[in-house]
Amino acid sequence: MTTELTYLLLTALLAASLWIPYIVGVNMPPAKQFADFHRPPDIRQMPAWVHRAYRAHQNLLEQMMPFAVIVLVAHVLGISTSTTVWASVAFFWIRVAHAVGMISGMAQFPVRPIIFTAGWICILTIGLQVFWHSS
């Protein structure tokens, strides 16, 4: 498996697990009881970190889809360069930093949008490599 696919897999595992802090927060006392499950709890009524955990998960899903598509296109085309490797590695660790920083509340403005933008730059970098090496 290429490094890019390895980090895509790790990113998918991160996304598949990032719901856990939110669910833990929703179910922690003294949170209001949301036992009916007819509709999701109003995250505005939750502690701030629970809301941030929800947002961290949603934010990762927003960036993971284009990351996954571009990594898979590069793989199908047989494109793997030192640039695509490093951008894939960086993307994963940037997303870990974003999740930790967002849930903990340590990554506030302007750090959080800078981290998000760094992830976007990694995606663009891999995409540009695909364009340059597939022509």
N, C-alpha and C. Protein backbone atom coordinates (compact mmCIF):
# COMPACT_ATOMS: atom_id res chain seq x y z
N MET A 1 0.84 -1.17 0.00
CA MET A 1 0.00 0.00 0.00
C MET A 1 0.89 1.24 0.00
N THR A 2 0.53 2.22 -0.80
CA THR A 2 1.32 3.44 -0.87
C THR A 2 1.14 4.25 0.41
N THR A 3 2.06 5.16 0.63
CA THR A 3 1.96 6.05 1.79
C THR A 3 0.68 6.87 1.72
N GLU A 4 0.35 7.34 0.52
CA GLU A 4 -0.86 8.16 0.37
C GLU A 4 -2.11 7.37 0.78
N LEU A 5 -2.19 6.11 0.35
CA LEU A 5 -3.34 5.28 0.73
C LEU A 5 -3.33 4.97 2.22
N THR A 6 -2.15 4.79 2.79
CA THR A 6 -2.05 4.55 4.23
C THR A 6 -2.63 5.73 5.00
N TYR A 7 -2.26 6.94 4.59
CA TYR A 7 -2.76 8.11 5.30
C TYR A 7 -4.22 8.41 4.98
N LEU A 8 -4.69 7.99 3.83
CA LEU A 8 -6.12 8.06 3.55
C LEU A 8 -6.86 7.12 4.49
N LEU A 9 -6.34 5.92 4.67
CA LEU A 9 -6.94 4.95 5.59
C LEU A 9 -6.95 5.49 7.02
N LEU A 10 -5.84 6.06 7.46
CA LEU A 10 -5.77 6.64 8.80
C LEU A 10 -6.76 7.79 8.96
N THR A 11 -6.90 8.60 7.92
CA THR A 11 -7.86 9.70 7.97
C THR A 11 -9.28 9.17 8.06
N ALA A 12 -9.57 8.10 7.32
CA ALA A 12 -10.89 7.49 7.38
C ALA A 12 -11.16 6.93 8.78
N LEU A 13 -10.15 6.32 9.38
CA LEU A 13 -10.31 5.81 10.75
C LEU A 13 -10.53 6.94 11.75
N LEU A 14 -9.84 8.05 11.55
CA LEU A 14 -10.06 9.23 12.39
C LEU A 14 -11.50 9.72 12.24
N ALA A 15 -11.96 9.83 11.01
CA ALA A 15 -13.33 10.29 10.76
C ALA A 15 -14.34 9.30 11.34
N ALA A 16 -14.04 8.02 11.23
CA ALA A 16 -14.95 7.00 11.75
C ALA A 16 -15.01 7.00 13.27
N SER A 17 -14.02 7.60 13.92
CA SER A 17 -13.95 7.60 15.39
C SER A 17 -14.26 8.94 16.02
N LEU A 18 -14.31 9.98 15.23
CA LEU A 18 -14.45 11.33 15.79
C LEU A 18 -15.85 11.62 16.32
N TRP A 19 -16.79 10.74 16.10
CA TRP A 19 -18.13 10.89 16.69
C TRP A 19 -18.10 10.59 18.19
N ILE A 20 -17.10 9.86 18.65
CA ILE A 20 -17.07 9.39 20.03
C ILE A 20 -17.05 10.54 21.05
N PRO A 21 -16.19 11.57 20.90
CA PRO A 21 -16.24 12.65 21.90
C PRO A 21 -17.62 13.31 21.98
N TYR A 22 -18.28 13.49 20.86
CA TYR A 22 -19.60 14.09 20.85
C TYR A 22 -20.59 13.23 21.63
N ILE A 23 -20.62 11.94 21.35
CA ILE A 23 -21.57 11.04 22.02
C ILE A 23 -21.26 10.97 23.52
N VAL A 24 -20.00 10.94 23.88
CA VAL A 24 -19.63 10.95 25.30
C VAL A 24 -20.17 12.22 25.95
N GLY A 25 -19.98 13.36 25.29
CA GLY A 25 -20.44 14.63 25.84
C GLY A 25 -21.95 14.70 25.97
N VAL A 26 -22.66 14.19 24.99
CA VAL A 26 -24.12 14.21 25.02
C VAL A 26 -24.63 13.36 26.18
N ASN A 27 -23.92 12.32 26.53
CA ASN A 27 -24.38 11.39 27.55
C ASN A 27 -23.78 11.62 28.93
N MET A 28 -23.02 12.69 29.09
CA MET A 28 -22.42 12.97 30.39
C MET A 28 -23.39 13.75 31.27
N PRO A 29 -23.49 13.36 32.54
CA PRO A 29 -24.26 14.21 33.46
C PRO A 29 -23.43 15.46 33.73
N PRO A 30 -23.98 16.59 33.99
CA PRO A 30 -25.39 16.86 34.20
C PRO A 30 -26.12 17.29 32.92
N ALA A 31 -25.68 16.82 31.78
CA ALA A 31 -26.37 17.17 30.54
C ALA A 31 -27.83 16.77 30.64
N LYS A 32 -28.67 17.52 29.97
CA LYS A 32 -30.09 17.19 29.97
C LYS A 32 -30.28 15.81 29.36
N GLN A 33 -31.30 15.16 29.78
CA GLN A 33 -31.57 13.82 29.27
C GLN A 33 -32.16 13.91 27.87
N PHE A 34 -31.58 13.21 26.95
CA PHE A 34 -32.06 13.16 25.57
C PHE A 34 -32.30 11.71 25.22
N ALA A 35 -33.24 11.09 25.92
CA ALA A 35 -33.42 9.65 25.79
C ALA A 35 -34.39 9.24 24.69
N ASP A 36 -35.16 10.18 24.15
CA ASP A 36 -36.18 9.75 23.20
C ASP A 36 -35.61 9.44 21.81
N PHE A 37 -34.53 10.04 21.43
CA PHE A 37 -33.85 9.82 20.16
C PHE A 37 -34.76 10.04 18.95
N HIS A 38 -35.86 10.76 19.13
CA HIS A 38 -36.70 11.10 17.98
C HIS A 38 -36.05 12.18 17.13
N ARG A 39 -35.26 12.97 17.77
CA ARG A 39 -34.47 13.98 17.05
C ARG A 39 -33.17 14.18 17.81
N PRO A 40 -32.14 14.59 17.10
CA PRO A 40 -30.85 14.79 17.79
C PRO A 40 -30.97 15.91 18.82
N PRO A 41 -30.18 15.84 19.87
CA PRO A 41 -30.20 16.92 20.86
C PRO A 41 -29.74 18.23 20.25
N ASP A 42 -30.23 19.31 20.79
CA ASP A 42 -29.83 20.65 20.36
C ASP A 42 -28.43 20.91 20.92
N ILE A 43 -27.44 20.93 20.05
CA ILE A 43 -26.06 21.07 20.54
C ILE A 43 -25.81 22.42 21.20
N ARG A 44 -26.69 23.39 20.97
CA ARG A 44 -26.55 24.69 21.63
C ARG A 44 -26.83 24.57 23.13
N GLN A 45 -27.51 23.51 23.55
CA GLN A 45 -27.81 23.29 24.96
C GLN A 45 -26.71 22.47 25.65
N MET A 46 -25.73 22.06 24.91
CA MET A 46 -24.65 21.23 25.44
C MET A 46 -23.48 22.11 25.88
N PRO A 47 -22.57 21.54 26.66
CA PRO A 47 -21.34 22.28 26.96
C PRO A 47 -20.60 22.64 25.67
N ALA A 48 -19.85 23.71 25.70
CA ALA A 48 -19.19 24.22 24.49
C ALA A 48 -18.30 23.16 23.83
N TRP A 49 -17.61 22.35 24.62
CA TRP A 49 -16.71 21.35 24.02
C TRP A 49 -17.48 20.29 23.25
N VAL A 50 -18.71 19.99 23.65
CA VAL A 50 -19.53 19.01 22.93
C VAL A 50 -19.91 19.58 21.56
N HIS A 51 -20.28 20.83 21.54
CA HIS A 51 -20.58 21.50 20.28
C HIS A 51 -19.35 21.51 19.38
N ARG A 52 -18.19 21.81 19.97
CA ARG A 52 -16.96 21.82 19.18
C ARG A 52 -16.61 20.43 18.67
N ALA A 53 -16.89 19.39 19.45
CA ALA A 53 -16.63 18.01 19.01
C ALA A 53 -17.49 17.67 17.80
N TYR A 54 -18.74 18.07 17.85
CA TYR A 54 -19.64 17.86 16.71
C TYR A 54 -19.10 18.57 15.46
N ARG A 55 -18.69 19.81 15.65
CA ARG A 55 -18.17 20.61 14.54
C ARG A 55 -16.86 20.04 14.01
N ALA A 56 -16.00 19.53 14.89
CA ALA A 56 -14.73 18.94 14.46
C ALA A 56 -14.98 17.74 13.55
N HIS A 57 -15.97 16.92 13.90
CA HIS A 57 -16.30 15.76 13.09
C HIS A 57 -16.84 16.20 11.73
N GLN A 58 -17.78 17.14 11.73
CA GLN A 58 -18.34 17.64 10.48
C GLN A 58 -17.26 18.27 9.60
N ASN A 59 -16.36 19.01 10.23
CA ASN A 59 -15.30 19.68 9.50
C ASN A 59 -14.36 18.69 8.83
N LEU A 60 -14.03 17.61 9.54
CA LEU A 60 -13.18 16.59 8.95
C LEU A 60 -13.88 15.94 7.76
N LEU A 61 -15.16 15.65 7.89
CA LEU A 61 -15.89 15.03 6.78
C LEU A 61 -15.89 15.95 5.55
N GLU A 62 -15.97 17.25 5.77
CA GLU A 62 -15.93 18.21 4.65
C GLU A 62 -14.63 18.11 3.87
N GLN A 63 -13.53 17.96 4.56
CA GLN A 63 -12.23 17.91 3.86
C GLN A 63 -11.84 16.51 3.44
N MET A 64 -12.39 15.51 4.11
CA MET A 64 -11.96 14.16 3.79
C MET A 64 -12.42 13.70 2.41
N MET A 65 -13.62 14.09 2.02
CA MET A 65 -14.14 13.65 0.73
C MET A 65 -13.24 14.10 -0.43
N PRO A 66 -12.91 15.39 -0.54
CA PRO A 66 -12.00 15.76 -1.64
C PRO A 66 -10.61 15.14 -1.50
N PHE A 67 -10.12 15.01 -0.26
CA PHE A 67 -8.83 14.37 -0.05
C PHE A 67 -8.87 12.94 -0.56
N ALA A 68 -9.92 12.21 -0.21
CA ALA A 68 -10.04 10.81 -0.63
C ALA A 68 -10.11 10.68 -2.14
N VAL A 69 -10.92 11.51 -2.77
CA VAL A 69 -11.07 11.43 -4.22
C VAL A 69 -9.74 11.69 -4.91
N ILE A 70 -9.05 12.72 -4.48
CA ILE A 70 -7.79 13.09 -5.14
C ILE A 70 -6.72 12.02 -4.90
N VAL A 71 -6.64 11.48 -3.68
CA VAL A 71 -5.66 10.42 -3.41
C VAL A 71 -5.98 9.19 -4.25
N LEU A 72 -7.25 8.84 -4.35
CA LEU A 72 -7.63 7.66 -5.15
C LEU A 72 -7.38 7.88 -6.64
N VAL A 73 -7.65 9.07 -7.14
CA VAL A 73 -7.35 9.37 -8.55
C VAL A 73 -5.85 9.25 -8.78
N ALA A 74 -5.06 9.81 -7.89
CA ALA A 74 -3.59 9.71 -8.03
C ALA A 74 -3.16 8.25 -8.03
N HIS A 75 -3.75 7.46 -7.15
CA HIS A 75 -3.38 6.04 -7.07
C HIS A 75 -3.74 5.30 -8.36
N VAL A 76 -4.94 5.53 -8.86
CA VAL A 76 -5.38 4.87 -10.09
C VAL A 76 -4.46 5.23 -11.25
N LEU A 77 -4.01 6.48 -11.28
CA LEU A 77 -3.12 6.93 -12.36
C LEU A 77 -1.65 6.58 -12.10
N GLY A 78 -1.38 5.98 -10.95
CA GLY A 78 0.00 5.59 -10.64
C GLY A 78 0.89 6.76 -10.28
N ILE A 79 0.30 7.81 -9.76
CA ILE A 79 1.07 9.01 -9.41
C ILE A 79 1.36 9.00 -7.91
N SER A 80 2.62 8.92 -7.60
CA SER A 80 3.09 8.99 -6.22
C SER A 80 4.46 9.66 -6.25
N THR A 81 4.50 10.86 -5.73
CA THR A 81 5.76 11.61 -5.70
C THR A 81 6.08 11.95 -4.25
N SER A 82 7.25 12.45 -4.03
CA SER A 82 7.58 12.87 -2.66
C SER A 82 6.61 13.96 -2.20
N THR A 83 6.15 14.78 -3.13
CA THR A 83 5.20 15.83 -2.79
C THR A 83 3.85 15.25 -2.37
N THR A 84 3.34 14.26 -3.10
CA THR A 84 2.06 13.67 -2.73
C THR A 84 2.17 12.91 -1.41
N VAL A 85 3.32 12.28 -1.19
CA VAL A 85 3.53 11.57 0.08
C VAL A 85 3.49 12.55 1.24
N TRP A 86 4.30 13.61 1.15
CA TRP A 86 4.36 14.56 2.26
C TRP A 86 3.05 15.31 2.46
N ALA A 87 2.35 15.60 1.38
CA ALA A 87 1.05 16.28 1.51
C ALA A 87 0.04 15.37 2.18
N SER A 88 0.09 14.08 1.91
CA SER A 88 -0.83 13.12 2.54
C SER A 88 -0.52 12.97 4.03
N VAL A 89 0.75 12.85 4.35
CA VAL A 89 1.16 12.74 5.74
C VAL A 89 0.77 14.01 6.50
N ALA A 90 1.08 15.15 5.90
CA ALA A 90 0.76 16.43 6.54
C ALA A 90 -0.74 16.58 6.74
N PHE A 91 -1.53 16.19 5.73
CA PHE A 91 -2.98 16.32 5.82
C PHE A 91 -3.51 15.57 7.05
N PHE A 92 -3.08 14.33 7.22
CA PHE A 92 -3.56 13.55 8.36
C PHE A 92 -3.22 14.23 9.67
N TRP A 93 -1.96 14.61 9.85
CA TRP A 93 -1.55 15.20 11.13
C TRP A 93 -2.16 16.58 11.34
N ILE A 94 -2.39 17.31 10.27
CA ILE A 94 -3.10 18.59 10.38
C ILE A 94 -4.52 18.35 10.87
N ARG A 95 -5.17 17.30 10.34
CA ARG A 95 -6.54 17.00 10.75
C ARG A 95 -6.58 16.52 12.21
N VAL A 96 -5.58 15.78 12.65
CA VAL A 96 -5.51 15.39 14.06
C VAL A 96 -5.36 16.63 14.93
N ALA A 97 -4.45 17.53 14.54
CA ALA A 97 -4.26 18.77 15.30
C ALA A 97 -5.53 19.60 15.33
N HIS A 98 -6.22 19.66 14.20
CA HIS A 98 -7.47 20.42 14.13
C HIS A 98 -8.49 19.84 15.10
N ALA A 99 -8.67 18.52 15.10
CA ALA A 99 -9.65 17.88 15.97
C ALA A 99 -9.31 18.10 17.44
N VAL A 100 -8.07 17.86 17.80
CA VAL A 100 -7.66 18.05 19.20
C VAL A 100 -7.82 19.51 19.60
N GLY A 101 -7.35 20.40 18.74
CA GLY A 101 -7.43 21.83 19.05
C GLY A 101 -8.86 22.32 19.13
N MET A 102 -9.71 21.83 18.26
CA MET A 102 -11.10 22.29 18.26
C MET A 102 -11.84 21.74 19.47
N ILE A 103 -11.72 20.45 19.74
CA ILE A 103 -12.46 19.86 20.86
C ILE A 103 -11.98 20.45 22.19
N SER A 104 -10.69 20.61 22.34
CA SER A 104 -10.14 21.16 23.59
C SER A 104 -10.40 22.65 23.73
N GLY A 105 -10.64 23.32 22.63
CA GLY A 105 -10.82 24.76 22.66
C GLY A 105 -9.52 25.53 22.58
N MET A 106 -8.39 24.81 22.45
CA MET A 106 -7.09 25.48 22.40
C MET A 106 -6.84 26.15 21.05
N ALA A 107 -7.40 25.60 19.98
CA ALA A 107 -7.20 26.17 18.65
C ALA A 107 -8.34 27.14 18.37
N GLN A 108 -8.13 28.39 18.73
CA GLN A 108 -9.13 29.41 18.51
C GLN A 108 -8.71 30.28 17.35
N PHE A 109 -9.55 31.23 17.01
CA PHE A 109 -9.24 32.13 15.92
C PHE A 109 -7.94 32.85 16.22
N PRO A 110 -7.00 32.96 15.31
CA PRO A 110 -7.02 32.53 13.92
C PRO A 110 -6.38 31.16 13.69
N VAL A 111 -6.02 30.45 14.76
CA VAL A 111 -5.30 29.18 14.60
C VAL A 111 -6.15 28.15 13.87
N ARG A 112 -7.40 27.99 14.28
CA ARG A 112 -8.24 26.95 13.69
C ARG A 112 -8.43 27.15 12.18
N PRO A 113 -8.78 28.34 11.70
CA PRO A 113 -8.89 28.48 10.25
C PRO A 113 -7.56 28.33 9.52
N ILE A 114 -6.47 28.65 10.19
CA ILE A 114 -5.16 28.44 9.57
C ILE A 114 -4.91 26.94 9.40
N ILE A 115 -5.26 26.16 10.43
CA ILE A 115 -5.09 24.71 10.33
C ILE A 115 -5.96 24.15 9.22
N PHE A 116 -7.22 24.60 9.15
CA PHE A 116 -8.13 24.15 8.09
C PHE A 116 -7.54 24.49 6.71
N THR A 117 -7.04 25.70 6.57
CA THR A 117 -6.46 26.14 5.30
C THR A 117 -5.23 25.31 4.94
N ALA A 118 -4.45 24.93 5.93
CA ALA A 118 -3.28 24.09 5.66
C ALA A 118 -3.72 22.73 5.10
N GLY A 119 -4.81 22.17 5.62
CA GLY A 119 -5.34 20.93 5.08
C GLY A 119 -5.80 21.10 3.64
N TRP A 120 -6.45 22.21 3.37
CA TRP A 120 -6.90 22.52 2.01
C TRP A 120 -5.71 22.64 1.06
N ILE A 121 -4.64 23.26 1.51
CA ILE A 121 -3.43 23.39 0.69
C ILE A 121 -2.85 22.00 0.39
N CYS A 122 -2.88 21.10 1.35
CA CYS A 122 -2.41 19.72 1.10
C CYS A 122 -3.24 19.07 0.00
N ILE A 123 -4.55 19.24 0.05
CA ILE A 123 -5.43 18.68 -0.98
C ILE A 123 -5.09 19.27 -2.34
N LEU A 124 -4.96 20.59 -2.40
CA LEU A 124 -4.61 21.25 -3.68
C LEU A 124 -3.26 20.79 -4.19
N THR A 125 -2.32 20.60 -3.29
CA THR A 125 -0.98 20.16 -3.68
C THR A 125 -1.02 18.80 -4.36
N ILE A 126 -1.76 17.87 -3.76
CA ILE A 126 -1.88 16.54 -4.37
C ILE A 126 -2.60 16.65 -5.72
N GLY A 127 -3.65 17.45 -5.77
CA GLY A 127 -4.39 17.64 -7.02
C GLY A 127 -3.53 18.21 -8.12
N LEU A 128 -2.69 19.17 -7.78
CA LEU A 128 -1.79 19.75 -8.79
C LEU A 128 -0.78 18.72 -9.27
N GLN A 129 -0.30 17.89 -8.37
CA GLN A 129 0.62 16.82 -8.77
C GLN A 129 -0.07 15.86 -9.75
N VAL A 130 -1.33 15.58 -9.51
CA VAL A 130 -2.08 14.71 -10.42
C VAL A 130 -2.16 15.35 -11.80
N PHE A 131 -2.50 16.63 -11.85
CA PHE A 131 -2.57 17.32 -13.14
C PHE A 131 -1.22 17.35 -13.84
N TRP A 132 -0.17 17.69 -13.11
CA TRP A 132 1.16 17.81 -13.73
C TRP A 132 1.71 16.48 -14.22
N HIS A 133 1.44 15.43 -13.49
CA HIS A 133 2.03 14.13 -13.85
C HIS A 133 1.15 13.27 -14.73
N SER A 134 -0.08 13.71 -14.97
CA SER A 134 -0.96 12.90 -15.82
C SER A 134 -1.04 13.44 -17.25
N SER A 135 -0.40 14.56 -17.50
CA SER A 135 -0.47 15.11 -18.86
C SER A 135 0.68 14.66 -19.73
